Amino acid sequence: MSQERLALDAGMERSYVSDLERGMRNPSVRALGRLADALGVRPAVLLEDGNI
């Protein structure tokens, strides 16, 4: 999935998703939930080692 697609599906800016991927920002609890919904996983999955 591209950053652009993920950002669109999560209702976020692509630059924000890029910053998360590069470790430049930390997601809020709300953002984490939106990303998980867009990816079709539970938020806990994104918190496992190596995912964020």
PDB file of N, CA and C in Angstrom:
ATOM      1  N   MET A   1       0.849  -1.167   0.000  1.00  0.00           N
ATOM      2  CA  MET A   1       0.000   0.000   0.000  1.00  0.00           C
ATOM      3  C   MET A   1       0.901   1.237   0.000  1.00  0.00           C
ATOM      4  N   SER A   2       0.561   2.191  -0.827  1.00  0.00           N
ATOM      5  CA  SER A   2       1.357   3.415  -0.888  1.00  0.00           C
ATOM      6  C   SER A   2       1.016   4.334   0.290  1.00  0.00           C
ATOM      7  N   GLN A   3       1.918   5.244   0.589  1.00  0.00           N
ATOM      8  CA  GLN A   3       1.661   6.239   1.621  1.00  0.00           C
ATOM      9  C   GLN A   3       0.433   7.066   1.254  1.00  0.00           C
ATOM     10  N   GLU A   4       0.307   7.399  -0.015  1.00  0.00           N
ATOM     11  CA  GLU A   4      -0.822   8.201  -0.457  1.00  0.00           C
ATOM     12  C   GLU A   4      -2.143   7.480  -0.223  1.00  0.00           C
ATOM     13  N   ARG A   5      -2.206   6.185  -0.572  1.00  0.00           N
ATOM     14  CA  ARG A   5      -3.428   5.402  -0.369  1.00  0.00           C
ATOM     15  C   ARG A   5      -3.751   5.295   1.119  1.00  0.00           C
ATOM     16  N   LEU A   6      -2.744   5.001   1.940  1.00  0.00           N
ATOM     17  CA  LEU A   6      -2.950   4.895   3.380  1.00  0.00           C
ATOM     18  C   LEU A   6      -3.441   6.213   3.940  1.00  0.00           C
ATOM     19  N   ALA A   7      -2.817   7.298   3.533  1.00  0.00           N
ATOM     20  CA  ALA A   7      -3.226   8.617   4.015  1.00  0.00           C
ATOM     21  C   ALA A   7      -4.676   8.907   3.630  1.00  0.00           C
ATOM     22  N   LEU A   8      -5.040   8.622   2.406  1.00  0.00           N
ATOM     23  CA  LEU A   8      -6.417   8.851   1.961  1.00  0.00           C
ATOM     24  C   LEU A   8      -7.401   8.001   2.762  1.00  0.00           C
ATOM     25  N   ASP A   9      -7.085   6.722   2.920  1.00  0.00           N
ATOM     26  CA  ASP A   9      -7.973   5.811   3.641  1.00  0.00           C
ATOM     27  C   ASP A   9      -8.105   6.181   5.120  1.00  0.00           C
ATOM     28  N   ALA A  10      -7.042   6.765   5.690  1.00  0.00           N
ATOM     29  CA  ALA A  10      -7.050   7.137   7.109  1.00  0.00           C
ATOM     30  C   ALA A  10      -7.475   8.584   7.327  1.00  0.00           C
ATOM     31  N   GLY A  11      -7.684   9.337   6.246  1.00  0.00           N
ATOM     32  CA  GLY A  11      -8.074  10.740   6.376  1.00  0.00           C
ATOM     33  C   GLY A  11      -6.961  11.624   6.890  1.00  0.00           C
ATOM     34  N   MET A  12      -5.743  11.337   6.435  1.00  0.00           N
ATOM     35  CA  MET A  12      -4.560  12.076   6.891  1.00  0.00           C
ATOM     36  C   MET A  12      -3.814  12.651   5.698  1.00  0.00           C
ATOM     37  N   GLU A  13      -2.891  13.540   5.990  1.00  0.00           N
ATOM     38  CA  GLU A  13      -1.994  14.061   4.961  1.00  0.00           C
ATOM     39  C   GLU A  13      -0.910  13.025   4.673  1.00  0.00           C
ATOM     40  N   ARG A  14      -0.518  12.906   3.416  1.00  0.00           N
ATOM     41  CA  ARG A  14       0.542  11.969   3.059  1.00  0.00           C
ATOM     42  C   ARG A  14       1.841  12.308   3.774  1.00  0.00           C
ATOM     43  N   SER A  15       2.124  13.595   3.946  1.00  0.00           N
ATOM     44  CA  SER A  15       3.361  14.001   4.616  1.00  0.00           C
ATOM     45  C   SER A  15       3.388  13.517   6.070  1.00  0.00           C
ATOM     46  N   TYR A  16       2.223  13.474   6.728  1.00  0.00           N
ATOM     47  CA  TYR A  16       2.145  12.978   8.100  1.00  0.00           C
ATOM     48  C   TYR A  16       2.474  11.488   8.135  1.00  0.00           C
ATOM     49  N   VAL A  17       1.903  10.735   7.208  1.00  0.00           N
ATOM     50  CA  VAL A  17       2.179   9.292   7.128  1.00  0.00           C
ATOM     51  C   VAL A  17       3.669   9.081   6.848  1.00  0.00           C
ATOM     52  N   SER A  18       4.244   9.886   5.970  1.00  0.00           N
ATOM     53  CA  SER A  18       5.672   9.794   5.673  1.00  0.00           C
ATOM     54  C   SER A  18       6.504  10.052   6.920  1.00  0.00           C
ATOM     55  N   ASP A  19       6.143  11.083   7.679  1.00  0.00           N
ATOM     56  CA  ASP A  19       6.870  11.394   8.919  1.00  0.00           C
ATOM     57  C   ASP A  19       6.785  10.239   9.913  1.00  0.00           C
ATOM     58  N   LEU A  20       5.620   9.603  10.002  1.00  0.00           N
ATOM     59  CA  LEU A  20       5.473   8.446  10.897  1.00  0.00           C
ATOM     60  C   LEU A  20       6.386   7.312  10.455  1.00  0.00           C
ATOM     61  N   GLU A  21       6.380   7.051   9.165  1.00  0.00           N
ATOM     62  CA  GLU A  21       7.181   5.948   8.624  1.00  0.00           C
ATOM     63  C   GLU A  21       8.672   6.166   8.860  1.00  0.00           C
ATOM     64  N   ARG A  22       9.109   7.408   8.775  1.00  0.00           N
ATOM     65  CA  ARG A  22      10.524   7.727   8.963  1.00  0.00           C
ATOM     66  C   ARG A  22      10.908   7.940  10.426  1.00  0.00           C
ATOM     67  N   GLY A  23       9.926   7.844  11.332  1.00  0.00           N
ATOM     68  CA  GLY A  23      10.208   8.014  12.749  1.00  0.00           C
ATOM     69  C   GLY A  23      10.376   9.450  13.168  1.00  0.00           C
ATOM     70  N   MET A  24       9.894  10.374  12.364  1.00  0.00           N
ATOM     71  CA  MET A  24      10.024  11.794  12.673  1.00  0.00           C
ATOM     72  C   MET A  24       8.896  12.288  13.592  1.00  0.00           C
ATOM     73  N   ARG A  25       7.824  11.537  13.654  1.00  0.00           N
ATOM     74  CA  ARG A  25       6.677  11.884  14.499  1.00  0.00           C
ATOM     75  C   ARG A  25       6.167  10.625  15.171  1.00  0.00           C
ATOM     76  N   ASN A  26       5.450  10.818  16.266  1.00  0.00           N
ATOM     77  CA  ASN A  26       4.765   9.730  16.950  1.00  0.00           C
ATOM     78  C   ASN A  26       3.269   9.935  16.779  1.00  0.00           C
ATOM     79  N   PRO A  27       2.532   8.873  16.469  1.00  0.00           N
ATOM     80  CA  PRO A  27       1.092   9.039  16.264  1.00  0.00           C
ATOM     81  C   PRO A  27       0.347   9.223  17.578  1.00  0.00           C
ATOM     82  N   SER A  28      -0.705  10.014  17.537  1.00  0.00           N
ATOM     83  CA  SER A  28      -1.608  10.109  18.681  1.00  0.00           C
ATOM     84  C   SER A  28      -2.409   8.808  18.747  1.00  0.00           C
ATOM     85  N   VAL A  29      -3.106   8.602  19.842  1.00  0.00           N
ATOM     86  CA  VAL A  29      -3.959   7.415  19.978  1.00  0.00           C
ATOM     87  C   VAL A  29      -5.022   7.433  18.883  1.00  0.00           C
ATOM     88  N   ARG A  30      -5.578   8.586  18.614  1.00  0.00           N
ATOM     89  CA  ARG A  30      -6.605   8.706  17.566  1.00  0.00           C
ATOM     90  C   ARG A  30      -6.021   8.354  16.197  1.00  0.00           C
ATOM     91  N   ALA A  31      -4.850   8.897  15.898  1.00  0.00           N
ATOM     92  CA  ALA A  31      -4.207   8.617  14.611  1.00  0.00           C
ATOM     93  C   ALA A  31      -3.890   7.134  14.487  1.00  0.00           C
ATOM     94  N   LEU A  32      -3.438   6.531  15.569  1.00  0.00           N
ATOM     95  CA  LEU A  32      -3.140   5.099  15.562  1.00  0.00           C
ATOM     96  C   LEU A  32      -4.394   4.297  15.215  1.00  0.00           C
ATOM     97  N   GLY A  33      -5.507   4.682  15.792  1.00  0.00           N
ATOM     98  CA  GLY A  33      -6.766   4.003  15.496  1.00  0.00           C
ATOM     99  C   GLY A  33      -7.188   4.175  14.043  1.00  0.00           C
ATOM    100  N   ARG A  34      -7.008   5.361  13.505  1.00  0.00           N
ATOM    101  CA  ARG A  34      -7.371   5.616  12.109  1.00  0.00           C
ATOM    102  C   ARG A  34      -6.480   4.824  11.156  1.00  0.00           C
ATOM    103  N   LEU A  35      -5.197   4.745  11.480  1.00  0.00           N
ATOM    104  CA  LEU A  35      -4.273   3.960  10.650  1.00  0.00           C
ATOM    105  C   LEU A  35      -4.639   2.476  10.704  1.00  0.00           C
ATOM    106  N   ALA A  36      -4.923   1.993  11.901  1.00  0.00           N
ATOM    107  CA  ALA A  36      -5.298   0.585  12.052  1.00  0.00           C
ATOM    108  C   ALA A  36      -6.561   0.279  11.258  1.00  0.00           C
ATOM    109  N   ASP A  37      -7.551   1.155  11.334  1.00  0.00           N
ATOM    110  CA  ASP A  37      -8.783   0.956  10.562  1.00  0.00           C
ATOM    111  C   ASP A  37      -8.486   0.901   9.072  1.00  0.00           C
ATOM    112  N   ALA A  38      -7.652   1.822   8.605  1.00  0.00           N
ATOM    113  CA  ALA A  38      -7.321   1.871   7.181  1.00  0.00           C
ATOM    114  C   ALA A  38      -6.584   0.613   6.730  1.00  0.00           C
ATOM    115  N   LEU A  39      -5.803   0.035   7.633  1.00  0.00           N
ATOM    116  CA  LEU A  39      -5.037  -1.169   7.309  1.00  0.00           C
ATOM    117  C   LEU A  39      -5.806  -2.457   7.595  1.00  0.00           C
ATOM    118  N   GLY A  40      -6.926  -2.344   8.292  1.00  0.00           N
ATOM    119  CA  GLY A  40      -7.731  -3.524   8.608  1.00  0.00           C
ATOM    120  C   GLY A  40      -7.135  -4.397   9.686  1.00  0.00           C
ATOM    121  N   VAL A  41      -6.458  -3.756  10.651  1.00  0.00           N
ATOM    122  CA  VAL A  41      -5.857  -4.499  11.763  1.00  0.00           C
ATOM    123  C   VAL A  41      -6.262  -3.838  13.080  1.00  0.00           C
ATOM    124  N   ARG A  42      -6.027  -4.555  14.185  1.00  0.00           N
ATOM    125  CA  ARG A  42      -6.249  -3.977  15.511  1.00  0.00           C
ATOM    126  C   ARG A  42      -5.118  -3.000  15.810  1.00  0.00           C
ATOM    127  N   PRO A  43      -5.387  -1.911  16.509  1.00  0.00           N
ATOM    128  CA  PRO A  43      -4.326  -0.952  16.857  1.00  0.00           C
ATOM    129  C   PRO A  43      -3.125  -1.604  17.547  1.00  0.00           C
ATOM    130  N   ALA A  44      -3.361  -2.629  18.355  1.00  0.00           N
ATOM    131  CA  ALA A  44      -2.279  -3.295  19.066  1.00  0.00           C
ATOM    132  C   ALA A  44      -1.236  -3.868  18.107  1.00  0.00           C
ATOM    133  N   VAL A  45      -1.667  -4.291  16.928  1.00  0.00           N
ATOM    134  CA  VAL A  45      -0.753  -4.849  15.941  1.00  0.00           C
ATOM    135  C   VAL A  45       0.289  -3.806  15.534  1.00  0.00           C
ATOM    136  N   LEU A  46      -0.129  -2.543  15.451  1.00  0.00           N
ATOM    137  CA  LEU A  46       0.798  -1.484  15.042  1.00  0.00           C
ATOM    138  C   LEU A  46       1.807  -1.138  16.125  1.00  0.00           C
ATOM    139  N   LEU A  47       1.511  -1.564  17.353  1.00  0.00           N
ATOM    140  CA  LEU A  47       2.405  -1.263  18.471  1.00  0.00           C
ATOM    141  C   LEU A  47       3.434  -2.362  18.730  1.00  0.00           C
ATOM    142  N   GLU A  48       3.313  -3.461  18.020  1.00  0.00           N
ATOM    143  CA  GLU A  48       4.287  -4.540  18.190  1.00  0.00           C
ATOM    144  C   GLU A  48       5.652  -4.075  17.712  1.00  0.00           C
ATOM    145  N   ASP A  49       6.702  -4.632  18.285  1.00  0.00           N
ATOM    146  CA  ASP A  49       8.074  -4.255  17.928  1.00  0.00           C
ATOM    147  C   ASP A  49       8.277  -4.247  16.425  1.00  0.00           C
ATOM    148  N   GLY A  50       8.850  -3.152  15.935  1.00  0.00           N
ATOM    149  CA  GLY A  50       9.204  -3.045  14.538  1.00  0.00           C
ATOM    150  C   GLY A  50       8.119  -2.528  13.610  1.00  0.00           C
ATOM    151  N   ASN A  51       6.912  -2.283  14.114  1.00  0.00           N
ATOM    152  CA  ASN A  51       5.825  -1.814  13.246  1.00  0.00           C
ATOM    153  C   ASN A  51       5.723  -0.298  13.172  1.00  0.00           C
ATOM    154  N   ILE A  52       6.065   0.402  14.223  1.00  0.00           N
ATOM    155  CA  ILE A  52       6.046   1.866  14.194  1.00  0.00           C
ATOM    156  C   ILE A  52       7.383   2.358  14.687  1.00  0.00           C
TER     157      ILE A  52
END
